[in-house]
Amino acid sequence: MSPVAVADLPISVWHRMTSNCMYPYCFAGDKIALTEIPDKNSIIPGDIYGVDTISNGLVVRILYPIESGYRAHAYNNAEYPDFIIPHTDIIRIFRKVGLFRI
């Protein structure tokens, strides 16, 4: 299957949200389009990213760089508190480029 382009960015992954961690931006069941970013230094603090981790699989959060990795923040942070993703736990990072809701 060939990649789909959204705003001239290839979609690497469609990820189905399994929780309401990013409510009200997206809900459980929504699908978000992610494109892999090869340079972790190009992360824009406060943007939404998918982080493929060794310990927790793919997590979707707002990222803020810190010295040891990234602080992962959810819109719905009353139910999903911030946590740290260490650099050593990261396999790949994806930028959110789209949202699909039925």
N, C-alpha and C. Protein backbone atom coordinates (compact mmCIF):
# COMPACT_ATOMS: atom_id res chain seq x y z
N MET A 1 0.84 -1.17 0.00
CA MET A 1 0.00 0.00 0.00
C MET A 1 0.89 1.24 0.00
N SER A 2 0.59 2.19 -0.86
CA SER A 2 1.42 3.39 -0.93
C SER A 2 1.05 4.36 0.19
N PRO A 3 2.02 5.20 0.61
CA PRO A 3 1.72 6.14 1.69
C PRO A 3 0.73 7.21 1.25
N VAL A 4 -0.05 7.69 2.19
CA VAL A 4 -1.01 8.76 1.95
C VAL A 4 -0.36 10.06 2.40
N ALA A 5 -0.53 11.13 1.63
CA ALA A 5 0.08 12.40 1.99
C ALA A 5 -0.95 13.32 2.64
N VAL A 6 -0.58 13.91 3.76
CA VAL A 6 -1.37 14.93 4.42
C VAL A 6 -0.45 16.13 4.58
N ALA A 7 -0.81 17.24 3.96
CA ALA A 7 0.02 18.44 4.02
C ALA A 7 1.45 18.12 3.60
N ASP A 8 1.59 17.34 2.54
CA ASP A 8 2.89 16.95 1.99
C ASP A 8 3.74 16.11 2.93
N LEU A 9 3.13 15.53 3.94
CA LEU A 9 3.87 14.65 4.85
C LEU A 9 3.35 13.23 4.69
N PRO A 10 4.23 12.26 4.50
CA PRO A 10 3.76 10.87 4.39
C PRO A 10 3.29 10.36 5.74
N ILE A 11 2.22 9.59 5.73
CA ILE A 11 1.73 8.99 6.97
C ILE A 11 2.46 7.67 7.18
N SER A 12 3.17 7.58 8.30
CA SER A 12 3.90 6.37 8.65
C SER A 12 2.99 5.38 9.37
N VAL A 13 2.09 5.90 10.21
CA VAL A 13 1.27 5.06 11.08
C VAL A 13 -0.09 5.71 11.27
N TRP A 14 -1.15 4.89 11.26
CA TRP A 14 -2.46 5.29 11.76
C TRP A 14 -2.58 4.63 13.12
N HIS A 15 -2.82 5.43 14.16
CA HIS A 15 -2.90 4.89 15.52
C HIS A 15 -4.30 5.12 16.06
N ARG A 16 -4.94 4.06 16.54
CA ARG A 16 -6.27 4.17 17.14
C ARG A 16 -6.12 4.49 18.62
N MET A 17 -6.72 5.59 19.03
CA MET A 17 -6.67 5.99 20.43
C MET A 17 -7.48 5.00 21.26
N THR A 18 -6.90 4.50 22.33
CA THR A 18 -7.58 3.51 23.16
C THR A 18 -8.06 4.10 24.48
N SER A 19 -7.76 5.38 24.72
CA SER A 19 -8.18 6.04 25.96
C SER A 19 -8.59 7.47 25.65
N ASN A 20 -9.08 8.15 26.66
CA ASN A 20 -9.44 9.55 26.51
C ASN A 20 -8.36 10.47 27.08
N CYS A 21 -7.10 10.05 26.98
CA CYS A 21 -6.00 10.84 27.53
C CYS A 21 -5.86 12.19 26.83
N MET A 22 -6.28 12.28 25.57
CA MET A 22 -6.14 13.53 24.84
C MET A 22 -7.47 14.26 24.66
N TYR A 23 -8.49 13.88 25.47
CA TYR A 23 -9.77 14.58 25.46
C TYR A 23 -9.54 16.02 25.93
N PRO A 24 -10.10 17.04 25.30
CA PRO A 24 -11.14 17.04 24.27
C PRO A 24 -10.61 17.06 22.84
N TYR A 25 -9.27 17.01 22.64
CA TYR A 25 -8.75 17.02 21.27
C TYR A 25 -9.18 15.78 20.51
N CYS A 26 -9.02 14.62 21.12
CA CYS A 26 -9.47 13.39 20.47
C CYS A 26 -9.99 12.43 21.53
N PHE A 27 -10.79 11.48 21.07
CA PHE A 27 -11.50 10.55 21.95
C PHE A 27 -11.03 9.12 21.69
N ALA A 28 -11.31 8.25 22.64
CA ALA A 28 -11.05 6.82 22.43
C ALA A 28 -11.80 6.39 21.17
N GLY A 29 -11.12 5.70 20.28
CA GLY A 29 -11.71 5.26 19.01
C GLY A 29 -11.30 6.11 17.83
N ASP A 30 -10.90 7.37 18.07
CA ASP A 30 -10.39 8.20 16.97
C ASP A 30 -9.09 7.60 16.45
N LYS A 31 -8.80 7.87 15.19
CA LYS A 31 -7.53 7.46 14.62
C LYS A 31 -6.72 8.70 14.30
N ILE A 32 -5.46 8.68 14.68
CA ILE A 32 -4.60 9.81 14.35
C ILE A 32 -3.53 9.35 13.37
N ALA A 33 -3.20 10.24 12.46
CA ALA A 33 -2.16 9.98 11.47
C ALA A 33 -0.84 10.50 12.03
N LEU A 34 0.17 9.66 11.96
CA LEU A 34 1.49 10.01 12.48
C LEU A 34 2.54 9.84 11.38
N THR A 35 3.50 10.76 11.35
CA THR A 35 4.61 10.62 10.44
C THR A 35 5.91 10.58 11.25
N GLU A 36 6.76 9.63 10.93
CA GLU A 36 8.00 9.46 11.69
C GLU A 36 8.93 10.64 11.46
N ILE A 37 9.53 11.12 12.54
CA ILE A 37 10.53 12.18 12.41
C ILE A 37 11.89 11.59 12.77
N PRO A 38 12.84 11.70 11.85
CA PRO A 38 14.14 11.07 12.09
C PRO A 38 15.01 11.84 13.10
N ASP A 39 14.78 13.14 13.23
CA ASP A 39 15.63 13.97 14.08
C ASP A 39 14.87 14.36 15.34
N LYS A 40 15.22 13.76 16.47
CA LYS A 40 14.54 14.05 17.73
C LYS A 40 14.76 15.49 18.19
N ASN A 41 15.75 16.17 17.61
CA ASN A 41 15.99 17.57 17.95
C ASN A 41 15.00 18.51 17.29
N SER A 42 14.17 18.00 16.37
CA SER A 42 13.20 18.85 15.69
C SER A 42 11.84 18.87 16.40
N ILE A 43 11.77 18.33 17.61
CA ILE A 43 10.52 18.32 18.36
C ILE A 43 10.18 19.74 18.81
N ILE A 44 8.93 20.12 18.55
CA ILE A 44 8.43 21.43 18.95
C ILE A 44 7.73 21.26 20.30
N PRO A 45 8.25 21.88 21.37
CA PRO A 45 7.62 21.73 22.68
C PRO A 45 6.14 22.15 22.63
N GLY A 46 5.27 21.29 23.17
CA GLY A 46 3.85 21.59 23.22
C GLY A 46 3.05 21.00 22.07
N ASP A 47 3.70 20.36 21.09
CA ASP A 47 3.00 19.70 20.00
C ASP A 47 2.70 18.24 20.37
N ILE A 48 1.77 17.64 19.64
CA ILE A 48 1.37 16.26 19.89
C ILE A 48 2.26 15.30 19.11
N TYR A 49 2.75 14.28 19.79
CA TYR A 49 3.62 13.28 19.18
C TYR A 49 3.20 11.88 19.61
N GLY A 50 3.52 10.91 18.81
CA GLY A 50 3.41 9.52 19.18
C GLY A 50 4.83 9.03 19.46
N VAL A 51 5.02 8.41 20.59
CA VAL A 51 6.34 7.93 20.97
C VAL A 51 6.27 6.42 21.11
N ASP A 52 7.03 5.73 20.28
CA ASP A 52 7.13 4.28 20.33
C ASP A 52 8.18 3.95 21.38
N THR A 53 7.74 3.32 22.48
CA THR A 53 8.64 3.06 23.59
C THR A 53 8.86 1.57 23.79
N ILE A 54 9.95 1.25 24.42
CA ILE A 54 10.26 -0.14 24.74
C ILE A 54 9.29 -0.67 25.80
N SER A 55 9.00 0.16 26.82
CA SER A 55 8.22 -0.33 27.96
C SER A 55 6.71 -0.19 27.83
N ASN A 56 6.21 0.79 27.07
CA ASN A 56 4.76 1.03 27.03
C ASN A 56 4.17 1.01 25.63
N GLY A 57 4.90 0.60 24.63
CA GLY A 57 4.38 0.63 23.27
C GLY A 57 4.25 2.06 22.79
N LEU A 58 3.26 2.32 21.93
CA LEU A 58 3.07 3.66 21.37
C LEU A 58 2.17 4.48 22.28
N VAL A 59 2.69 5.61 22.75
CA VAL A 59 1.90 6.53 23.57
C VAL A 59 1.78 7.85 22.81
N VAL A 60 0.61 8.47 22.90
CA VAL A 60 0.37 9.75 22.24
C VAL A 60 0.24 10.81 23.33
N ARG A 61 1.12 11.79 23.28
CA ARG A 61 1.13 12.84 24.29
C ARG A 61 1.69 14.13 23.70
N ILE A 62 1.51 15.20 24.45
CA ILE A 62 2.16 16.47 24.16
C ILE A 62 3.55 16.37 24.80
N LEU A 63 4.60 16.63 24.03
CA LEU A 63 5.95 16.46 24.55
C LEU A 63 6.62 17.78 24.88
N TYR A 64 7.39 17.74 25.96
CA TYR A 64 8.24 18.85 26.37
C TYR A 64 9.63 18.26 26.64
N PRO A 65 10.65 18.70 25.90
CA PRO A 65 11.99 18.16 26.12
C PRO A 65 12.51 18.52 27.52
N ILE A 66 13.15 17.56 28.15
CA ILE A 66 13.87 17.77 29.39
C ILE A 66 15.23 17.11 29.20
N GLU A 67 16.13 17.29 30.15
CA GLU A 67 17.49 16.79 29.98
C GLU A 67 17.57 15.28 29.77
N SER A 68 16.76 14.52 30.52
CA SER A 68 16.88 13.06 30.47
C SER A 68 15.95 12.40 29.44
N GLY A 69 15.09 13.20 28.76
CA GLY A 69 14.14 12.64 27.81
C GLY A 69 13.07 13.65 27.47
N TYR A 70 11.80 13.25 27.73
CA TYR A 70 10.67 14.13 27.45
C TYR A 70 9.64 14.01 28.57
N ARG A 71 9.04 15.14 28.91
CA ARG A 71 7.89 15.11 29.81
C ARG A 71 6.67 14.93 28.93
N ALA A 72 5.90 13.89 29.20
CA ALA A 72 4.72 13.55 28.40
C ALA A 72 3.49 14.08 29.13
N HIS A 73 2.75 14.93 28.44
CA HIS A 73 1.59 15.60 29.03
C HIS A 73 0.34 15.24 28.24
N ALA A 74 -0.77 14.99 28.93
CA ALA A 74 -2.05 14.71 28.29
C ALA A 74 -2.97 15.91 28.49
N TYR A 75 -3.85 16.16 27.50
CA TYR A 75 -4.87 17.20 27.69
C TYR A 75 -5.71 16.86 28.91
N ASN A 76 -6.08 15.60 29.04
CA ASN A 76 -6.90 15.13 30.15
C ASN A 76 -5.96 14.73 31.30
N ASN A 77 -5.24 15.71 31.85
CA ASN A 77 -4.21 15.36 32.83
C ASN A 77 -4.77 15.12 34.23
N ALA A 78 -6.07 15.33 34.45
CA ALA A 78 -6.66 14.96 35.74
C ALA A 78 -6.68 13.44 35.88
N GLU A 79 -6.98 12.75 34.79
CA GLU A 79 -7.00 11.28 34.81
C GLU A 79 -5.69 10.66 34.35
N TYR A 80 -4.92 11.40 33.56
CA TYR A 80 -3.67 10.89 33.00
C TYR A 80 -2.55 11.87 33.33
N PRO A 81 -1.92 11.70 34.50
CA PRO A 81 -0.89 12.65 34.92
C PRO A 81 0.36 12.59 34.03
N ASP A 82 1.14 13.66 34.07
CA ASP A 82 2.40 13.73 33.33
C ASP A 82 3.33 12.62 33.79
N PHE A 83 4.21 12.20 32.87
CA PHE A 83 5.25 11.24 33.21
C PHE A 83 6.46 11.51 32.32
N ILE A 84 7.57 10.94 32.68
CA ILE A 84 8.82 11.14 31.95
C ILE A 84 9.08 9.93 31.05
N ILE A 85 9.45 10.21 29.80
CA ILE A 85 9.89 9.16 28.87
C ILE A 85 11.39 9.36 28.69
N PRO A 86 12.21 8.47 29.26
CA PRO A 86 13.66 8.63 29.12
C PRO A 86 14.12 8.34 27.69
N HIS A 87 15.18 9.01 27.29
CA HIS A 87 15.74 8.80 25.94
C HIS A 87 16.01 7.32 25.69
N THR A 88 16.43 6.59 26.71
CA THR A 88 16.79 5.18 26.55
C THR A 88 15.58 4.28 26.28
N ASP A 89 14.37 4.77 26.52
CA ASP A 89 13.15 3.99 26.33
C ASP A 89 12.53 4.23 24.94
N ILE A 90 13.06 5.20 24.20
CA ILE A 90 12.45 5.60 22.93
C ILE A 90 13.01 4.78 21.77
N ILE A 91 12.08 4.23 20.98
CA ILE A 91 12.45 3.53 19.75
C ILE A 91 12.33 4.50 18.57
N ARG A 92 11.14 5.12 18.43
CA ARG A 92 10.88 6.09 17.36
C ARG A 92 9.94 7.17 17.87
N ILE A 93 9.96 8.32 17.19
CA ILE A 93 9.03 9.40 17.51
C ILE A 93 8.31 9.80 16.23
N PHE A 94 7.00 10.04 16.37
CA PHE A 94 6.14 10.42 15.25
C PHE A 94 5.45 11.74 15.56
N ARG A 95 5.34 12.60 14.56
CA ARG A 95 4.56 13.85 14.71
C ARG A 95 3.13 13.59 14.26
N LYS A 96 2.17 14.14 14.99
CA LYS A 96 0.75 14.02 14.62
C LYS A 96 0.49 14.95 13.44
N VAL A 97 -0.08 14.36 12.35
CA VAL A 97 -0.36 15.16 11.14
C VAL A 97 -1.82 15.12 10.74
N GLY A 98 -2.64 14.36 11.44
CA GLY A 98 -4.05 14.30 11.07
C GLY A 98 -4.86 13.53 12.08
N LEU A 99 -6.19 13.66 11.94
CA LEU A 99 -7.13 13.00 12.84
C LEU A 99 -8.32 12.50 12.02
N PHE A 100 -8.75 11.28 12.30
CA PHE A 100 -9.89 10.70 11.62
C PHE A 100 -10.91 10.28 12.67
N ARG A 101 -12.12 10.82 12.57
CA ARG A 101 -13.17 10.50 13.54
C ARG A 101 -14.41 10.07 12.76
N ILE A 102 -15.03 8.99 13.21
CA ILE A 102 -16.28 8.52 12.57
C ILE A 102 -17.46 9.08 13.33
